[in-house]
Amino acid sequence: MSELNKNCQACGKPLEPGAHFCEECGQPVEEDEAVVSPPAGQPPPSYIPPSPAYKPPPPVYTPPPPPSRTPATEPQKKRGSSCWIIGLIALAGFICLGVIVASAIWLVPELTSSLDPTPVGQDVPVEPNATPQSEQPGNAYKDEYSLYDDFSSKTLGWPESSGTETERGYENGTYFMHIKEPNYHLWSSVQSDFVPTTAEFDAVIPSGSRDGVYGVFCFYQDPGNFFWVKIDPFEHSYSIGRYINDFATVLTDPEWKSATLLGEVSQINHIAVECLPGGITLHVNNELVEYIYLSEEPPSGGLGLYAYGWAYLSPPGFKVLFDNFNAWEQIQ
């Protein structure tokens, strides 16, 4: 070990390296009189080097609200040079306030009539980059980086189909998937100008539904190449995996892991899934449940909703209701 030489504070005699007493006068050596450095190439004792195999989970990402047409910026405050300037500014402010109040009183009747809610279920046109108005039914929008749908209208055009094996469509302000026969899958997504990497939504299982799972598919290339995040609402468990050339690989160990944060079957559960190049993250009811590190970056691909009925599915089958679906592309 290397040490710094010091002098005795009592008699001034140089101290030997590592000495605890002065050889000249016997004065004890204070601890701060000798500074010990760690050997070259070794970290300090408090440092624990990370394992090369460790990959920290990404930070929880909260999507920003849809951008307005002209983002608001807060003006910089400036100091006045004299009192008369402040007085003129205050006077101008009072005049402007009076004009605004008078204009608001005149415009109230017209604004009230323009905000009449659109009837639930009626298709409404959405202008480009429109932002949602949460107080109105028919809340749906899509722009170049994100989309949102509360399924109270058919604005975004989610797939609708009906057959003896499966059925999907809009129902009472939700989007449903119904698996009627064993071993059947359903997929649903909407076209967009971006590739979604993250999705969150509410899900609930109606009374009588049984024997199935729901979730998200992502990095979708074709029916034989994609990743999945499945939720089993009856067993309170989840599974994450992938298909490559029709061969399934489970990424969770064990295949189905307990998800105690899931509420009862009849309760609404909020699910969030991130499918990023470095890994897949699952949140249940706003709590982190799982992060799967991906050693190889998968190809970019589609994302959407998913449902499946088990081989032992019995009538009336498995049905899940989705609501408040939000998807966006994370910009690196």
Protein backbone atom coordinates (compact mmCIF):
# COMPACT_ATOMS: atom_id res chain seq x y z
CA MET A 1 0.00 0.00 0.00
CA SER A 2 1.23 3.55 -0.76
CA GLU A 3 1.05 6.20 1.99
CA LEU A 4 1.72 9.93 2.23
CA ASN A 5 4.48 11.01 4.73
CA LYS A 6 3.45 13.43 7.51
CA ASN A 7 5.22 15.27 10.37
CA CYS A 8 4.39 14.91 14.05
CA GLN A 9 2.11 17.70 15.17
CA ALA A 10 3.90 17.83 18.61
CA CYS A 11 7.63 17.92 17.79
CA GLY A 12 7.69 18.18 13.99
CA LYS A 13 9.74 15.04 13.44
CA PRO A 14 8.89 13.22 10.17
CA LEU A 15 6.71 10.20 10.75
CA GLU A 16 7.49 6.78 9.37
CA PRO A 17 4.91 5.39 6.90
CA GLY A 18 2.20 3.54 8.83
CA ALA A 19 3.43 4.76 12.27
CA HIS A 20 0.85 5.14 15.00
CA PHE A 21 3.22 6.95 17.50
CA CYS A 22 6.03 9.49 17.03
CA GLU A 23 9.40 7.80 17.67
CA GLU A 24 10.82 11.09 18.99
CA CYS A 25 8.21 12.24 21.52
CA GLY A 26 5.67 9.39 21.65
CA GLN A 27 2.81 11.57 20.49
CA PRO A 28 -0.07 9.44 19.00
CA VAL A 29 -0.52 9.96 15.28
CA GLU A 30 -3.97 11.27 14.32
CA GLU A 31 -5.86 9.20 11.71
CA ASP A 32 -6.03 12.08 9.25
CA GLU A 33 -2.23 12.44 9.35
CA ALA A 34 -1.80 9.44 7.05
CA VAL A 35 -3.84 9.01 3.93
CA VAL A 36 -4.05 5.49 2.53
CA SER A 37 -4.77 4.98 -1.16
CA PRO A 38 -6.06 1.72 -2.59
CA PRO A 39 -3.66 -0.36 -4.71
CA ALA A 40 -3.39 0.74 -8.31
CA GLY A 41 -6.01 -0.83 -10.54
CA GLN A 42 -8.41 -1.73 -7.69
CA PRO A 43 -11.70 0.13 -7.13
CA PRO A 44 -12.53 1.70 -3.74
CA PRO A 45 -14.17 -0.69 -1.23
CA SER A 46 -17.64 0.83 -1.72
CA TYR A 47 -17.62 0.23 -5.47
CA ILE A 48 -19.28 -2.94 -6.77
CA PRO A 49 -18.65 -3.39 -10.50
CA PRO A 50 -21.76 -4.38 -12.44
CA SER A 51 -22.00 -7.86 -13.84
CA PRO A 52 -21.42 -7.92 -17.62
CA ALA A 53 -24.60 -9.97 -17.98
CA TYR A 54 -26.71 -7.41 -16.13
CA LYS A 55 -28.95 -5.23 -18.24
CA PRO A 56 -30.89 -2.61 -16.23
CA PRO A 57 -34.54 -2.23 -17.15
CA PRO A 58 -35.45 0.89 -19.11
CA PRO A 59 -37.13 3.72 -17.22
CA VAL A 60 -40.89 3.63 -17.05
CA TYR A 61 -42.08 5.76 -19.91
CA THR A 62 -45.14 7.93 -19.46
CA PRO A 63 -46.43 9.12 -22.83
CA PRO A 64 -46.72 12.89 -23.15
CA PRO A 65 -50.10 14.36 -24.00
CA PRO A 66 -50.73 14.75 -27.74
CA PRO A 67 -48.92 17.88 -28.94
CA SER A 68 -50.99 20.95 -29.65
CA ARG A 69 -50.76 22.71 -33.00
CA THR A 70 -48.65 25.50 -31.53
CA PRO A 71 -46.81 24.50 -28.35
CA ALA A 72 -47.17 27.02 -25.58
CA THR A 73 -43.96 28.70 -24.41
CA GLU A 74 -43.60 30.69 -21.22
CA PRO A 75 -42.31 34.22 -21.94
CA GLN A 76 -39.15 35.37 -20.17
CA LYS A 77 -39.69 37.87 -17.38
CA LYS A 78 -38.01 41.27 -17.87
CA ARG A 79 -37.30 43.95 -15.28
CA GLY A 80 -38.67 47.46 -15.79
CA SER A 81 -36.31 50.43 -15.73
CA SER A 82 -38.73 52.93 -14.19
CA CYS A 83 -42.09 53.13 -12.43
CA TRP A 84 -43.87 54.99 -15.24
CA ILE A 85 -43.19 52.11 -17.62
CA ILE A 86 -44.74 49.70 -15.11
CA GLY A 87 -47.78 51.95 -14.80
CA LEU A 88 -48.30 52.03 -18.57
CA ILE A 89 -48.03 48.25 -18.75
CA ALA A 90 -50.57 47.81 -15.95
CA LEU A 91 -52.98 50.22 -17.66
CA ALA A 92 -52.67 48.35 -20.94
CA GLY A 93 -53.31 45.09 -19.10
CA PHE A 94 -56.55 46.39 -17.59
CA ILE A 95 -57.73 47.54 -21.02
CA CYS A 96 -56.97 44.14 -22.58
CA LEU A 97 -58.72 42.34 -19.74
CA GLY A 98 -61.85 44.40 -20.32
CA VAL A 99 -61.82 43.58 -24.02
CA ILE A 100 -61.40 39.83 -23.29
CA VAL A 101 -64.27 39.78 -20.79
CA ALA A 102 -66.59 41.60 -23.19
CA SER A 103 -65.66 39.23 -26.04
CA ALA A 104 -66.23 36.16 -23.87
CA ILE A 105 -69.70 37.33 -22.87
CA TRP A 106 -70.59 37.87 -26.52
CA LEU A 107 -69.20 34.46 -27.63
CA VAL A 108 -70.68 32.24 -24.88
CA PRO A 109 -73.88 31.25 -26.76
CA GLU A 110 -71.97 30.28 -29.92
CA LEU A 111 -69.29 28.30 -28.01
CA THR A 112 -71.96 26.38 -26.12
CA SER A 113 -73.69 25.28 -29.30
CA SER A 114 -70.41 24.21 -30.95
CA LEU A 115 -69.52 21.88 -28.04
CA ASP A 116 -72.63 19.72 -28.24
CA PRO A 117 -71.42 16.13 -27.78
CA THR A 118 -71.49 13.76 -30.74
CA PRO A 119 -73.88 10.83 -30.20
CA VAL A 120 -72.09 7.68 -29.02
CA GLY A 121 -71.38 5.25 -31.86
CA GLN A 122 -71.67 7.81 -34.65
CA ASP A 123 -68.70 8.01 -37.00
CA VAL A 124 -67.05 11.42 -36.90
CA PRO A 125 -64.30 12.72 -39.21
CA VAL A 126 -60.96 13.38 -37.52
CA GLU A 127 -58.81 16.12 -39.02
CA PRO A 128 -55.04 15.44 -39.21
CA ASN A 129 -53.14 15.83 -35.91
CA ALA A 130 -56.36 16.45 -34.00
CA THR A 131 -56.09 16.10 -30.22
CA PRO A 132 -58.68 14.22 -28.17
CA GLN A 133 -61.35 16.00 -26.18
CA SER A 134 -61.78 13.72 -23.18
CA GLU A 135 -65.10 15.27 -22.14
CA GLN A 136 -66.76 14.30 -25.43
CA PRO A 137 -67.90 10.87 -26.64
CA GLY A 138 -66.27 9.55 -29.77
CA ASN A 139 -62.81 10.22 -28.33
CA ALA A 140 -60.29 8.99 -30.91
CA TYR A 141 -57.32 10.46 -32.72
CA LYS A 142 -54.27 9.43 -34.75
CA ASP A 143 -51.21 11.45 -35.71
CA GLU A 144 -47.71 10.74 -36.99
CA TYR A 145 -46.43 9.27 -33.70
CA SER A 146 -49.40 8.08 -31.64
CA LEU A 147 -53.05 7.06 -31.56
CA TYR A 148 -55.79 6.78 -28.96
CA ASP A 149 -59.25 5.23 -28.99
CA ASP A 150 -61.89 4.84 -26.29
CA PHE A 151 -64.04 2.85 -28.78
CA SER A 152 -67.11 5.02 -28.27
CA SER A 153 -67.08 5.55 -32.04
CA LYS A 154 -65.72 3.70 -35.06
CA THR A 155 -63.47 6.57 -36.10
CA LEU A 156 -60.23 4.58 -36.35
CA GLY A 157 -61.87 1.60 -38.02
CA TRP A 158 -60.83 -1.40 -35.94
CA PRO A 159 -61.58 -4.73 -37.67
CA GLU A 160 -65.07 -6.19 -37.29
CA SER A 161 -65.90 -9.80 -38.12
CA SER A 162 -68.33 -12.49 -37.09
CA GLY A 163 -68.21 -16.26 -37.59
CA THR A 164 -68.86 -19.55 -35.88
CA GLU A 165 -65.30 -19.67 -34.46
CA THR A 166 -64.53 -16.04 -33.59
CA GLU A 167 -66.10 -12.59 -33.44
CA ARG A 168 -64.78 -9.08 -32.86
CA GLY A 169 -66.08 -5.53 -33.04
CA TYR A 170 -67.47 -2.59 -31.08
CA GLU A 171 -69.79 -3.10 -28.12
CA ASN A 172 -71.14 -0.47 -25.70
CA GLY A 173 -68.13 1.82 -25.89
CA THR A 174 -65.55 -0.99 -25.88
CA TYR A 175 -63.80 -3.21 -28.43
CA PHE A 176 -64.39 -6.93 -27.90
CA MET A 177 -62.81 -10.19 -29.01
CA HIS A 178 -64.81 -13.40 -28.64
CA ILE A 179 -63.26 -16.85 -29.15
CA LYS A 180 -66.05 -19.40 -29.61
CA GLU A 181 -64.09 -22.55 -30.54
CA PRO A 182 -60.99 -24.12 -28.91
CA ASN A 183 -57.49 -23.30 -30.18
CA TYR A 184 -58.50 -20.19 -32.10
CA HIS A 185 -56.62 -16.88 -32.14
CA LEU A 186 -57.74 -13.35 -32.90
CA TRP A 187 -55.55 -10.37 -33.89
CA SER A 188 -56.59 -6.75 -34.21
CA SER A 189 -54.78 -3.55 -35.06
CA VAL A 190 -55.32 -0.36 -37.04
CA GLN A 191 -53.23 1.17 -39.79
CA SER A 192 -50.99 4.08 -38.88
CA ASP A 193 -48.17 6.18 -40.29
CA PHE A 194 -45.82 5.02 -37.52
CA VAL A 195 -44.65 1.70 -36.05
CA PRO A 196 -45.97 1.46 -32.46
CA THR A 197 -43.46 0.35 -29.82
CA THR A 198 -45.64 0.84 -26.74
CA ALA A 199 -49.30 0.24 -25.95
CA GLU A 200 -51.50 0.56 -22.90
CA PHE A 201 -55.17 -0.26 -22.42
CA ASP A 202 -57.87 -1.34 -19.98
CA ALA A 203 -59.22 -4.90 -20.11
CA VAL A 204 -62.10 -6.64 -18.36
CA ILE A 205 -63.64 -10.12 -18.66
CA PRO A 206 -67.46 -10.16 -18.85
CA SER A 207 -69.52 -12.60 -16.79
CA GLY A 208 -69.60 -16.15 -18.22
CA SER A 209 -66.32 -15.83 -20.14
CA ARG A 210 -63.74 -18.57 -19.48
CA ASP A 211 -60.71 -20.54 -20.65
CA GLY A 212 -58.67 -17.96 -22.55
CA VAL A 213 -55.94 -15.32 -22.53
CA TYR A 214 -55.50 -11.84 -23.96
CA GLY A 215 -52.59 -9.50 -24.53
CA VAL A 216 -50.37 -7.82 -27.10
CA PHE A 217 -48.40 -8.96 -30.12
CA CYS A 218 -45.47 -6.85 -31.32
CA PHE A 219 -42.51 -6.88 -33.72
CA TYR A 220 -45.00 -8.56 -36.05
CA GLN A 221 -43.64 -9.61 -39.45
CA ASP A 222 -46.09 -12.38 -40.42
CA PRO A 223 -48.11 -15.13 -38.65
CA GLY A 224 -44.90 -17.10 -38.05
CA ASN A 225 -42.66 -14.27 -36.82
CA PHE A 226 -43.68 -12.05 -33.90
CA PHE A 227 -43.40 -11.57 -30.13
CA TRP A 228 -46.23 -11.99 -27.62
CA VAL A 229 -47.21 -10.83 -24.14
CA LYS A 230 -50.12 -12.94 -22.83
CA ILE A 231 -52.25 -12.34 -19.73
CA ASP A 232 -54.23 -15.16 -18.09
CA PRO A 233 -56.90 -13.32 -16.06
CA PHE A 234 -58.23 -16.51 -14.46
CA GLU A 235 -54.89 -17.84 -13.18
CA HIS A 236 -53.43 -14.36 -12.48
CA SER A 237 -50.35 -15.08 -14.56
CA TYR A 238 -48.51 -13.91 -17.69
CA SER A 239 -46.15 -15.24 -20.36
CA ILE A 240 -43.76 -13.54 -22.80
CA GLY A 241 -42.24 -15.21 -25.84
CA ARG A 242 -41.70 -15.14 -29.58
CA TYR A 243 -42.27 -17.04 -32.78
CA ILE A 244 -39.42 -17.32 -35.28
CA ASN A 245 -40.26 -19.18 -38.49
CA ASP A 246 -43.28 -20.78 -36.76
CA PHE A 247 -41.12 -22.06 -33.88
CA ALA A 248 -42.18 -20.82 -30.41
CA THR A 249 -39.64 -19.80 -27.77
CA VAL A 250 -40.78 -18.83 -24.27
CA LEU A 251 -38.76 -15.99 -22.74
CA THR A 252 -40.22 -16.07 -19.21
CA ASP A 253 -39.00 -18.68 -16.71
CA PRO A 254 -41.19 -20.44 -15.80
CA GLU A 255 -43.37 -20.12 -18.88
CA TRP A 256 -46.27 -18.69 -16.84
CA LYS A 257 -45.28 -16.38 -13.99
CA SER A 258 -47.54 -15.18 -11.19
CA ALA A 259 -49.04 -11.69 -11.54
CA THR A 260 -50.48 -10.89 -8.13
CA LEU A 261 -51.14 -7.30 -9.21
CA LEU A 262 -53.91 -8.48 -11.52
CA GLY A 263 -57.36 -7.80 -10.10
CA GLU A 264 -60.25 -10.21 -10.11
CA VAL A 265 -61.64 -11.39 -13.46
CA SER A 266 -64.58 -9.00 -13.29
CA GLN A 267 -62.35 -6.00 -12.44
CA ILE A 268 -60.78 -3.62 -14.93
CA ASN A 269 -57.03 -4.14 -15.24
CA HIS A 270 -54.69 -1.59 -16.83
CA ILE A 271 -52.00 -3.23 -18.96
CA ALA A 272 -48.95 -1.51 -20.50
CA VAL A 273 -46.41 -3.20 -22.79
CA GLU A 274 -43.20 -1.73 -24.21
CA CYS A 275 -41.60 -3.56 -27.15
CA LEU A 276 -38.28 -1.79 -27.58
CA PRO A 277 -35.16 -2.98 -29.43
CA GLY A 278 -33.41 -3.74 -26.14
CA GLY A 279 -36.21 -5.53 -24.33
CA ILE A 280 -39.88 -6.06 -23.55
CA THR A 281 -41.47 -4.52 -20.45
CA LEU A 282 -44.81 -5.40 -18.84
CA HIS A 283 -46.69 -3.18 -16.40
CA VAL A 284 -49.87 -4.28 -14.61
CA ASN A 285 -52.02 -1.63 -12.96
CA ASN A 286 -49.19 0.91 -13.23
CA GLU A 287 -46.61 -1.34 -11.55
CA LEU A 288 -43.57 -2.91 -13.24
CA VAL A 289 -44.03 -6.69 -13.42
CA GLU A 290 -41.43 -7.95 -15.90
CA TYR A 291 -38.53 -6.86 -18.08
CA ILE A 292 -37.14 -9.29 -20.67
CA TYR A 293 -33.73 -8.35 -22.06
CA LEU A 294 -33.31 -9.01 -25.80
CA SER A 295 -29.72 -9.82 -26.71
CA GLU A 296 -30.49 -9.39 -30.41
CA GLU A 297 -32.50 -6.49 -31.74
CA PRO A 298 -35.65 -7.79 -33.45
CA PRO A 299 -36.82 -6.31 -36.73
CA SER A 300 -39.28 -3.45 -36.53
CA GLY A 301 -42.88 -4.58 -36.90
CA GLY A 302 -46.54 -4.12 -36.08
CA LEU A 303 -48.28 -4.10 -32.68
CA GLY A 304 -51.88 -4.84 -31.72
CA LEU A 305 -54.37 -6.66 -29.50
CA TYR A 306 -54.54 -10.43 -29.15
CA ALA A 307 -56.87 -13.13 -27.74
CA TYR A 308 -56.75 -16.94 -27.65
CA GLY A 309 -59.05 -19.74 -26.47
CA TRP A 310 -57.54 -22.82 -24.80
CA ALA A 311 -57.94 -26.34 -26.17
CA TYR A 312 -60.41 -27.11 -23.35
CA LEU A 313 -62.54 -24.03 -24.13
CA SER A 314 -66.21 -24.62 -23.37
CA PRO A 315 -69.34 -22.61 -24.27
CA PRO A 316 -69.97 -19.71 -24.34
CA GLY A 317 -66.24 -19.32 -24.98
CA PHE A 318 -63.69 -16.66 -24.06
CA LYS A 319 -64.54 -12.97 -24.41
CA VAL A 320 -62.52 -9.89 -23.44
CA LEU A 321 -63.46 -6.20 -23.58
CA PHE A 322 -60.81 -3.55 -24.34
CA ASP A 323 -61.04 0.16 -23.64
CA ASN A 324 -58.89 3.32 -23.67
CA PHE A 325 -56.29 1.93 -26.06
CA ASN A 326 -53.24 4.15 -26.43
CA ALA A 327 -50.24 3.34 -28.66
CA TRP A 328 -47.21 5.36 -29.68
CA GLU A 329 -43.74 5.16 -31.12
CA GLN A 330 -40.89 6.01 -28.79
CA ILE A 331 -38.47 8.35 -30.50
CA GLN A 332 -34.90 7.46 -29.49
